[in-house]
Amino acid sequence: MNRVIALVITLMVIVFFIAVGALGLFVYQEYTKPGQSADSIQTGQTMAQGDQQELSKLRLLKSGVVNLIMLYGQVTDISDSIITLSFNQSNLSFTLSPNANIYFVDTSSATQKQTPGKVSDIKTGENIQVGAQLTPDNQLVGYSVLIVK
């Protein structure tokens, strides 16, 4: 009888360890989805696939191949050298370079003549097109502004 009890207890312990091991494996698989490593789980630096794609886009924009980023929208705010644009319910702010070239563009004429302008010519409510670059510290800096008339 003692042997039967010992055998039952031993089997219960073995089943318990197998169940705990299977549970641990299941939890590990849930936390290490594709694109994540066990090391990133341990450090708490997991990154969703969408975030990885956004990071890839940011790296592309910062590459030496991309020379200029074109921005377009309506000026909704001007604060010192920071201008906020709005287009299709999206907002974006950029810093205007002190050396920025500013021009008026008359879109009503066939030639779309450009005339020089000044920073003070940029007003809230106007549509502008901006040639910008992404700096190493992830800031957009505008170097060329076309005020669309």
Protein backbone atom coordinates (compact mmCIF):
# COMPACT_ATOMS: atom_id res chain seq x y z
CA MET A 1 0.00 0.00 0.00
CA ASN A 2 2.85 2.38 0.80
CA ARG A 3 4.35 1.69 -2.60
CA VAL A 4 1.08 2.58 -4.35
CA ILE A 5 0.81 5.87 -2.45
CA ALA A 6 4.45 6.72 -3.23
CA LEU A 7 3.89 5.92 -6.91
CA VAL A 8 0.73 8.07 -7.08
CA ILE A 9 2.49 10.99 -5.39
CA THR A 10 5.47 10.66 -7.76
CA LEU A 11 3.16 10.65 -10.79
CA MET A 12 1.32 13.70 -9.47
CA VAL A 13 4.62 15.57 -9.03
CA ILE A 14 5.71 14.65 -12.57
CA VAL A 15 2.36 15.77 -14.05
CA PHE A 16 2.61 19.02 -12.05
CA PHE A 17 6.10 19.81 -13.44
CA ILE A 18 5.00 19.00 -17.01
CA ALA A 19 1.96 21.28 -16.64
CA VAL A 20 4.07 24.15 -15.24
CA GLY A 21 6.61 23.70 -18.04
CA ALA A 22 3.90 23.76 -20.71
CA LEU A 23 2.36 26.88 -19.16
CA GLY A 24 5.76 28.58 -19.08
CA LEU A 25 6.33 27.73 -22.75
CA PHE A 26 2.91 29.12 -23.68
CA VAL A 27 3.56 32.38 -21.81
CA TYR A 28 7.01 32.72 -23.40
CA GLN A 29 5.52 32.31 -26.90
CA GLU A 30 2.83 34.90 -26.20
CA TYR A 31 5.39 37.50 -25.14
CA THR A 32 7.87 36.82 -27.93
CA LYS A 33 5.83 37.60 -31.02
CA PRO A 34 7.59 37.97 -34.41
CA GLY A 35 9.93 40.95 -34.39
CA GLN A 36 10.74 40.61 -30.70
CA SER A 37 13.53 38.74 -29.04
CA ALA A 38 13.71 37.23 -25.60
CA ASP A 39 16.28 39.91 -24.73
CA SER A 40 13.87 42.71 -25.62
CA ILE A 41 11.20 41.09 -23.44
CA GLN A 42 13.55 40.98 -20.47
CA THR A 43 14.59 44.63 -20.87
CA GLY A 44 11.01 45.81 -21.42
CA GLN A 45 11.89 47.33 -24.78
CA THR A 46 9.35 45.55 -26.96
CA MET A 47 8.29 47.21 -30.17
CA ALA A 48 5.06 46.61 -32.04
CA GLN A 49 5.30 45.85 -35.74
CA GLY A 50 3.66 49.20 -36.61
CA ASP A 51 6.25 51.01 -34.52
CA GLN A 52 9.03 49.12 -36.29
CA GLN A 53 7.63 50.25 -39.64
CA GLU A 54 7.47 53.86 -38.45
CA LEU A 55 11.06 53.64 -37.25
CA SER A 56 12.11 52.31 -40.67
CA LYS A 57 10.38 55.27 -42.35
CA LEU A 58 12.13 57.70 -40.02
CA ARG A 59 15.50 56.11 -40.80
CA LEU A 60 14.74 56.41 -44.51
CA LEU A 61 13.89 60.12 -44.17
CA LYS A 62 17.16 60.69 -42.31
CA SER A 63 19.25 58.93 -44.96
CA GLY A 64 21.64 60.91 -47.12
CA VAL A 65 19.58 59.99 -50.18
CA VAL A 66 16.59 62.08 -49.06
CA ASN A 67 17.58 65.68 -49.66
CA LEU A 68 14.30 67.50 -49.15
CA ILE A 69 10.89 66.83 -47.61
CA MET A 70 7.97 68.82 -49.04
CA LEU A 71 5.32 70.06 -46.62
CA TYR A 72 2.04 71.68 -47.65
CA GLY A 73 -0.80 73.10 -45.64
CA GLN A 74 -2.59 76.05 -44.17
CA VAL A 75 -0.74 78.03 -41.50
CA THR A 76 -2.64 77.61 -38.23
CA ASP A 77 -0.06 78.99 -35.80
CA ILE A 78 3.14 81.02 -35.87
CA SER A 79 5.21 81.23 -32.70
CA ASP A 80 8.66 82.77 -33.15
CA SER A 81 10.29 80.52 -35.74
CA ILE A 82 7.91 77.57 -35.23
CA ILE A 83 5.11 77.30 -37.78
CA THR A 84 2.22 74.83 -37.57
CA LEU A 85 0.51 73.63 -40.73
CA SER A 86 -2.84 71.90 -41.06
CA PHE A 87 -4.03 69.76 -43.97
CA ASN A 88 -6.86 67.19 -44.05
CA GLN A 89 -7.27 67.35 -40.26
CA SER A 90 -3.56 66.64 -39.67
CA ASN A 91 -1.21 69.11 -38.00
CA LEU A 92 2.54 69.38 -38.27
CA SER A 93 4.98 71.88 -36.81
CA PHE A 94 8.39 72.77 -38.16
CA THR A 95 11.10 75.28 -37.35
CA LEU A 96 11.80 77.93 -39.96
CA SER A 97 15.51 78.35 -40.62
CA PRO A 98 16.83 81.91 -40.12
CA ASN A 99 18.29 81.63 -43.65
CA ALA A 100 15.05 80.41 -45.26
CA ASN A 101 14.18 81.64 -48.74
CA ILE A 102 10.61 82.93 -48.87
CA TYR A 103 8.66 83.59 -52.06
CA PHE A 104 5.12 84.45 -53.09
CA VAL A 105 3.71 82.27 -55.88
CA ASP A 106 0.82 83.60 -57.96
CA THR A 107 -1.07 80.46 -59.03
CA SER A 108 -3.68 82.47 -60.93
CA SER A 109 -1.23 83.27 -63.73
CA ALA A 110 -0.05 80.75 -66.29
CA THR A 111 3.62 81.45 -65.46
CA GLN A 112 3.13 81.16 -61.68
CA LYS A 113 5.57 84.00 -61.12
CA GLN A 114 7.56 83.96 -57.88
CA THR A 115 8.37 87.18 -56.05
CA PRO A 116 10.63 87.42 -52.98
CA GLY A 117 9.01 87.70 -49.56
CA LYS A 118 9.95 87.96 -45.86
CA VAL A 119 9.19 85.90 -42.77
CA SER A 120 6.70 88.57 -41.69
CA ASP A 121 4.72 87.87 -44.90
CA ILE A 122 3.73 84.43 -43.60
CA LYS A 123 0.31 84.85 -41.99
CA THR A 124 -2.14 82.54 -40.26
CA GLY A 125 -4.67 81.16 -42.75
CA GLU A 126 -2.35 81.22 -45.76
CA ASN A 127 -1.44 78.12 -47.74
CA ILE A 128 2.27 77.48 -47.95
CA GLN A 129 4.58 74.87 -49.41
CA VAL A 130 7.80 74.24 -47.49
CA GLY A 131 11.01 72.49 -48.46
CA ALA A 132 12.30 70.98 -45.20
CA GLN A 133 14.94 68.61 -43.93
CA LEU A 134 14.95 66.25 -40.96
CA THR A 135 17.81 67.05 -38.60
CA PRO A 136 19.79 64.40 -36.69
CA ASP A 137 17.73 65.23 -33.57
CA ASN A 138 14.47 64.47 -35.49
CA GLN A 139 13.36 68.08 -35.97
CA LEU A 140 11.90 69.38 -39.23
CA VAL A 141 13.61 72.57 -40.39
CA GLY A 142 12.15 74.58 -43.27
CA TYR A 143 14.62 76.14 -45.71
CA SER A 144 12.34 77.23 -48.55
CA VAL A 145 8.80 78.62 -48.27
CA LEU A 146 6.36 79.32 -51.09
CA ILE A 147 3.36 81.40 -50.03
CA VAL A 148 0.62 80.30 -52.41
CA LYS A 149 -1.67 83.13 -53.57
